[in-house]
Amino acid sequence: MMDSRSFDSGRIAEGYLKRPWLHKSVMEKVKEDCGMDQPFGNGLDVGCGAGLSTKALKLICDRVTGTDISEAMIEVCQKTYKEDGYSFYQAKAEETALPENHYDIVTAAGVINWVERDKFLKNMSQVMEPGGLLIIYDFWITDQMKDREQYTVWYNEKYLKKFPKPPRKEDVWKQENLKEYFVMDKQINYDMFYDFTMAEFIDFMMIQSNVNAKIENGEMTECEVRAWMSESLSNIFESQTRTLCFAGYNWYLKKIGIC
């Protein structure tokens, strides 16, 4: 299994900072799903990466803290988000420090594939207010691109064969997995769409975990990967902007018990 520390590099951190800000659309869905009429007070973003998910949480929360296992990611966050209401520190998802004020809301974007579930849930129960909301979400590229059937062939027959996905935990959490810490309120699946130029799409693909694994393992250089993608994608984009489909989910967990 790919270790989450594989993302601890300056190249990946800077690349994450330039990712599409789909997290904003996720927060709009959160507001809709939860019927929000006022912001939360104190929020935590676990596995914040380069801070895009923290920036999104700030849209619905007055004060936010971001944590990540990667020192490089935290350094990028601290350089980028200097305004009031933001703070960041390095920590594993299972080792969040007890805050001065417990968190009303916690988001975890693209994190649960790498965590030790029971330790994570116990830790979250310790740092959250009773009745607090834990939102676990993720989104990922699919093999669907609007009006470009050849992209589906490229994705399945070329891309995944050249860059196979590293194994990771893919289980869907159920109520019985949450023990005495949380109640699963709802689990929602949805699609999102985003427009890319070919250059933007290649930049985005360069920070995918399976591509990064091949670069970090020394099997291909970054230049070789970019060259392969440019050549294999040229007849799909044809110098046009293309619309890619993302699949995503939101899980809403309510904290129970006392701190």
Protein backbone atom coordinates (compact mmCIF):
# COMPACT_ATOMS: atom_id res chain seq x y z
CA MET A 1 0.00 0.00 0.00
CA MET A 2 1.21 3.47 -0.85
CA ASP A 3 2.29 5.39 2.25
CA SER A 4 0.70 8.80 2.77
CA ARG A 5 4.20 10.18 3.32
CA SER A 6 4.77 9.68 -0.41
CA PHE A 7 3.06 13.05 -0.80
CA ASP A 8 5.68 14.78 1.37
CA SER A 9 7.59 16.59 -1.35
CA GLY A 10 7.80 20.15 -2.57
CA ARG A 11 6.79 19.14 -6.10
CA ILE A 12 3.57 17.51 -4.94
CA ALA A 13 2.76 20.29 -2.46
CA GLU A 14 3.08 22.99 -5.10
CA GLY A 15 1.08 20.87 -7.53
CA TYR A 16 -1.72 20.42 -5.00
CA LEU A 17 -1.94 24.17 -4.59
CA LYS A 18 -2.84 24.44 -8.30
CA ARG A 19 -5.51 21.73 -8.26
CA PRO A 20 -9.06 22.61 -9.38
CA TRP A 21 -10.92 24.09 -6.43
CA LEU A 22 -13.74 21.57 -6.54
CA HIS A 23 -13.79 21.67 -2.75
CA LYS A 24 -15.81 24.90 -3.03
CA SER A 25 -18.57 23.03 -4.87
CA VAL A 26 -18.48 20.37 -2.16
CA MET A 27 -19.09 23.00 0.51
CA GLU A 28 -22.02 24.37 -1.47
CA LYS A 29 -23.46 20.86 -1.41
CA VAL A 30 -22.79 20.64 2.33
CA LYS A 31 -24.79 23.82 2.89
CA GLU A 32 -27.63 22.38 0.83
CA ASP A 33 -27.55 18.92 2.42
CA CYS A 34 -27.43 20.34 5.96
CA GLY A 35 -29.83 23.25 5.46
CA MET A 36 -27.21 25.65 6.83
CA ASP A 37 -28.36 29.18 7.64
CA GLN A 38 -25.29 30.34 9.62
CA PRO A 39 -21.60 29.47 9.70
CA PHE A 40 -19.90 27.15 12.16
CA GLY A 41 -17.57 28.72 14.71
CA ASN A 42 -14.46 26.56 15.00
CA GLY A 43 -13.46 24.04 12.34
CA LEU A 44 -10.73 21.52 11.63
CA ASP A 45 -9.60 20.26 8.23
CA VAL A 46 -7.75 16.95 8.60
CA GLY A 47 -5.31 16.01 5.84
CA CYS A 48 -5.45 19.54 4.49
CA GLY A 49 -2.84 19.05 1.76
CA ALA A 50 -1.96 22.42 0.24
CA GLY A 51 -4.96 24.05 1.90
CA LEU A 52 -7.65 24.03 -0.81
CA SER A 53 -9.97 21.99 1.43
CA THR A 54 -9.20 24.32 4.37
CA LYS A 55 -9.98 27.34 2.22
CA ALA A 56 -13.29 25.69 1.30
CA LEU A 57 -14.13 24.97 4.95
CA LYS A 58 -13.49 28.65 5.72
CA LEU A 59 -16.47 29.46 3.48
CA ILE A 60 -18.79 27.93 6.08
CA CYS A 61 -16.73 28.39 9.26
CA ASP A 62 -15.38 31.45 11.11
CA ARG A 63 -12.04 29.93 12.23
CA VAL A 64 -10.27 26.96 10.67
CA THR A 65 -7.25 24.83 11.51
CA GLY A 66 -5.58 22.62 8.92
CA THR A 67 -3.41 19.61 9.72
CA ASP A 68 -1.44 17.28 7.48
CA ILE A 69 1.18 14.57 7.89
CA SER A 70 3.36 16.28 5.27
CA GLU A 71 5.75 18.99 6.38
CA ALA A 72 5.97 20.29 2.80
CA MET A 73 2.18 20.67 2.61
CA ILE A 74 2.03 22.60 5.87
CA GLU A 75 4.83 24.90 4.73
CA VAL A 76 2.87 25.71 1.56
CA CYS A 77 -0.27 26.38 3.61
CA GLN A 78 1.50 28.69 6.03
CA LYS A 79 2.97 30.70 3.15
CA THR A 80 -0.33 30.89 1.27
CA TYR A 81 -2.99 31.50 3.94
CA LYS A 82 -1.70 34.26 6.17
CA GLU A 83 -4.94 36.09 6.86
CA ASP A 84 -6.84 35.93 10.14
CA GLY A 85 -8.92 32.85 10.82
CA TYR A 86 -6.39 30.30 9.54
CA SER A 87 -3.87 28.16 11.41
CA PHE A 88 -1.92 25.07 10.38
CA TYR A 89 0.28 22.47 12.02
CA GLN A 90 1.80 19.11 11.13
CA ALA A 91 0.09 16.02 12.53
CA LYS A 92 -1.16 12.59 11.54
CA ALA A 93 -4.93 12.36 11.10
CA GLU A 94 -5.08 10.05 14.13
CA GLU A 95 -3.03 12.41 16.33
CA THR A 96 -4.84 15.74 16.22
CA ALA A 97 -3.95 17.76 19.32
CA LEU A 98 -6.65 18.64 21.83
CA PRO A 99 -7.63 22.26 20.99
CA GLU A 100 -8.37 25.04 23.45
CA ASN A 101 -11.91 25.09 22.06
CA HIS A 102 -13.39 21.86 20.73
CA TYR A 103 -14.28 21.79 17.03
CA ASP A 104 -17.87 22.27 15.85
CA ILE A 105 -17.09 20.82 12.43
CA VAL A 106 -14.32 18.65 10.99
CA THR A 107 -13.72 17.91 7.32
CA ALA A 108 -11.56 15.11 5.98
CA ALA A 109 -11.09 15.24 2.20
CA GLY A 110 -9.45 12.24 0.53
CA VAL A 111 -8.09 11.04 3.87
CA ILE A 112 -9.83 7.86 4.97
CA ASN A 113 -8.07 5.66 2.40
CA TRP A 114 -4.91 6.12 4.46
CA VAL A 115 -6.01 6.33 8.11
CA GLU A 116 -6.34 3.77 10.90
CA ARG A 117 -10.11 4.06 11.22
CA ASP A 118 -10.64 3.26 14.90
CA LYS A 119 -7.77 5.47 16.09
CA PHE A 120 -8.96 8.28 13.83
CA LEU A 121 -12.55 8.14 15.06
CA LYS A 122 -11.50 8.00 18.70
CA ASN A 123 -9.20 11.00 18.21
CA MET A 124 -11.92 12.97 16.42
CA SER A 125 -14.38 12.22 19.26
CA GLN A 126 -11.87 13.73 21.70
CA VAL A 127 -11.36 17.01 19.82
CA MET A 128 -14.98 17.66 18.76
CA GLU A 129 -17.94 19.17 20.53
CA PRO A 130 -20.85 16.82 21.31
CA GLY A 131 -23.22 17.10 18.37
CA GLY A 132 -20.37 18.29 16.15
CA LEU A 133 -20.33 17.37 12.47
CA LEU A 134 -17.61 15.26 10.87
CA ILE A 135 -17.76 15.43 7.07
CA ILE A 136 -15.76 12.82 5.20
CA TYR A 137 -15.62 13.47 1.49
CA ASP A 138 -13.68 12.74 -1.64
CA PHE A 139 -13.88 13.19 -5.40
CA TRP A 140 -11.91 11.70 -8.25
CA ILE A 141 -11.60 11.71 -12.01
CA THR A 142 -13.65 9.21 -14.00
CA ASP A 143 -13.30 7.77 -17.48
CA GLN A 144 -15.99 10.14 -18.77
CA MET A 145 -15.38 13.35 -20.73
CA LYS A 146 -18.20 15.25 -22.39
CA ASP A 147 -18.46 14.47 -26.13
CA ARG A 148 -15.07 12.69 -26.16
CA GLU A 149 -15.56 8.91 -26.23
CA GLN A 150 -11.89 8.48 -27.14
CA TYR A 151 -10.99 9.79 -23.68
CA THR A 152 -12.70 6.74 -22.14
CA VAL A 153 -10.49 4.49 -24.25
CA TRP A 154 -7.39 6.50 -23.34
CA TYR A 155 -8.20 6.36 -19.63
CA ASN A 156 -8.86 2.62 -19.46
CA GLU A 157 -6.58 1.21 -22.15
CA LYS A 158 -3.59 3.55 -21.93
CA TYR A 159 -3.48 5.58 -18.74
CA LEU A 160 -4.42 2.91 -16.20
CA LYS A 161 -2.23 0.32 -17.88
CA LYS A 162 0.77 2.62 -17.78
CA PHE A 163 -0.01 4.02 -14.33
CA PRO A 164 -1.88 1.34 -12.34
CA LYS A 165 -3.51 2.56 -9.18
CA PRO A 166 -1.61 1.64 -5.98
CA PRO A 167 -3.68 -0.45 -3.56
CA ARG A 168 -5.46 1.46 -0.82
CA LYS A 169 -8.43 1.05 1.48
CA GLU A 170 -11.68 1.46 -0.45
CA ASP A 171 -14.25 0.25 2.08
CA VAL A 172 -17.42 2.25 2.72
CA TRP A 173 -17.88 2.97 6.40
CA LYS A 174 -21.07 1.73 8.04
CA GLN A 175 -22.68 2.52 11.37
CA GLU A 176 -21.19 -0.59 12.95
CA ASN A 177 -17.72 0.77 12.16
CA LEU A 178 -18.29 3.97 14.15
CA LYS A 179 -18.57 2.34 17.60
CA GLU A 180 -19.77 4.67 20.35
CA TYR A 181 -18.22 7.78 18.81
CA PHE A 182 -20.45 8.85 15.92
CA VAL A 183 -23.80 8.34 14.22
CA MET A 184 -23.82 8.12 10.42
CA ASP A 185 -26.43 10.73 9.46
CA LYS A 186 -26.30 10.35 5.68
CA GLN A 187 -24.07 9.25 2.79
CA ILE A 188 -24.50 10.98 -0.57
CA ASN A 189 -22.92 10.25 -3.96
CA TYR A 190 -22.82 12.83 -6.75
CA ASP A 191 -21.07 13.98 -9.94
CA MET A 192 -19.22 17.22 -10.65
CA PHE A 193 -17.85 18.66 -13.88
CA TYR A 194 -14.77 20.75 -14.57
CA ASP A 195 -13.29 22.28 -17.73
CA PHE A 196 -9.62 21.70 -18.56
CA THR A 197 -7.23 22.76 -21.28
CA MET A 198 -4.79 19.97 -22.12
CA ALA A 199 -1.99 21.73 -20.23
CA GLU A 200 -4.17 22.14 -17.14
CA PHE A 201 -5.27 18.52 -17.32
CA ILE A 202 -1.68 17.28 -17.57
CA ASP A 203 -0.69 19.43 -14.57
CA PHE A 204 -3.55 17.87 -12.65
CA MET A 205 -2.62 14.32 -13.67
CA MET A 206 0.98 14.86 -12.58
CA ILE A 207 -0.10 14.83 -8.92
CA GLN A 208 -2.30 11.73 -9.09
CA SER A 209 -1.11 9.09 -6.64
CA ASN A 210 -0.44 6.46 -9.31
CA VAL A 211 1.55 8.89 -11.47
CA ASN A 212 3.45 10.20 -8.47
CA ALA A 213 4.31 6.62 -7.43
CA LYS A 214 5.97 5.95 -10.76
CA ILE A 215 7.97 9.18 -10.61
CA GLU A 216 9.01 8.71 -6.97
CA ASN A 217 10.03 5.09 -7.68
CA GLY A 218 12.31 6.29 -10.48
CA GLU A 219 10.48 4.37 -13.21
CA MET A 220 9.82 7.54 -15.22
CA THR A 221 10.96 11.13 -14.94
CA GLU A 222 8.52 14.00 -14.71
CA CYS A 223 9.57 15.10 -18.21
CA GLU A 224 8.93 11.62 -19.62
CA VAL A 225 5.46 11.49 -18.07
CA ARG A 226 4.56 14.92 -19.43
CA ALA A 227 5.81 13.99 -22.90
CA TRP A 228 3.79 10.76 -22.91
CA MET A 229 0.64 12.56 -21.82
CA SER A 230 1.07 15.36 -24.35
CA GLU A 231 1.44 12.89 -27.19
CA SER A 232 -1.35 10.53 -26.14
CA LEU A 233 -3.88 13.27 -25.31
CA SER A 234 -3.37 15.57 -28.31
CA ASN A 235 -6.08 13.95 -30.44
CA ILE A 236 -8.52 14.10 -27.52
CA PHE A 237 -8.16 17.78 -26.65
CA GLU A 238 -7.31 19.08 -30.17
CA SER A 239 -6.37 22.47 -28.66
CA GLN A 240 -9.84 22.78 -27.12
CA THR A 241 -11.11 23.01 -23.54
CA ARG A 242 -12.77 19.76 -22.51
CA THR A 243 -15.24 18.94 -19.72
CA LEU A 244 -14.25 16.12 -17.38
CA CYS A 245 -16.63 14.28 -15.07
CA PHE A 246 -15.66 13.76 -11.41
CA ALA A 247 -17.42 11.36 -9.06
CA GLY A 248 -17.68 12.21 -5.37
CA TYR A 249 -19.28 11.43 -2.05
CA ASN A 250 -20.08 13.16 1.24
CA TRP A 251 -20.53 11.27 4.50
CA TYR A 252 -22.08 13.17 7.42
CA LEU A 253 -21.22 11.83 10.89
CA LYS A 254 -22.62 13.32 14.10
CA LYS A 255 -20.50 13.24 17.27
CA ILE A 256 -22.25 11.61 20.21
CA GLY A 257 -21.42 11.41 23.93
CA ILE A 258 -19.37 13.85 25.97
CA CYS A 259 -15.85 15.22 25.43
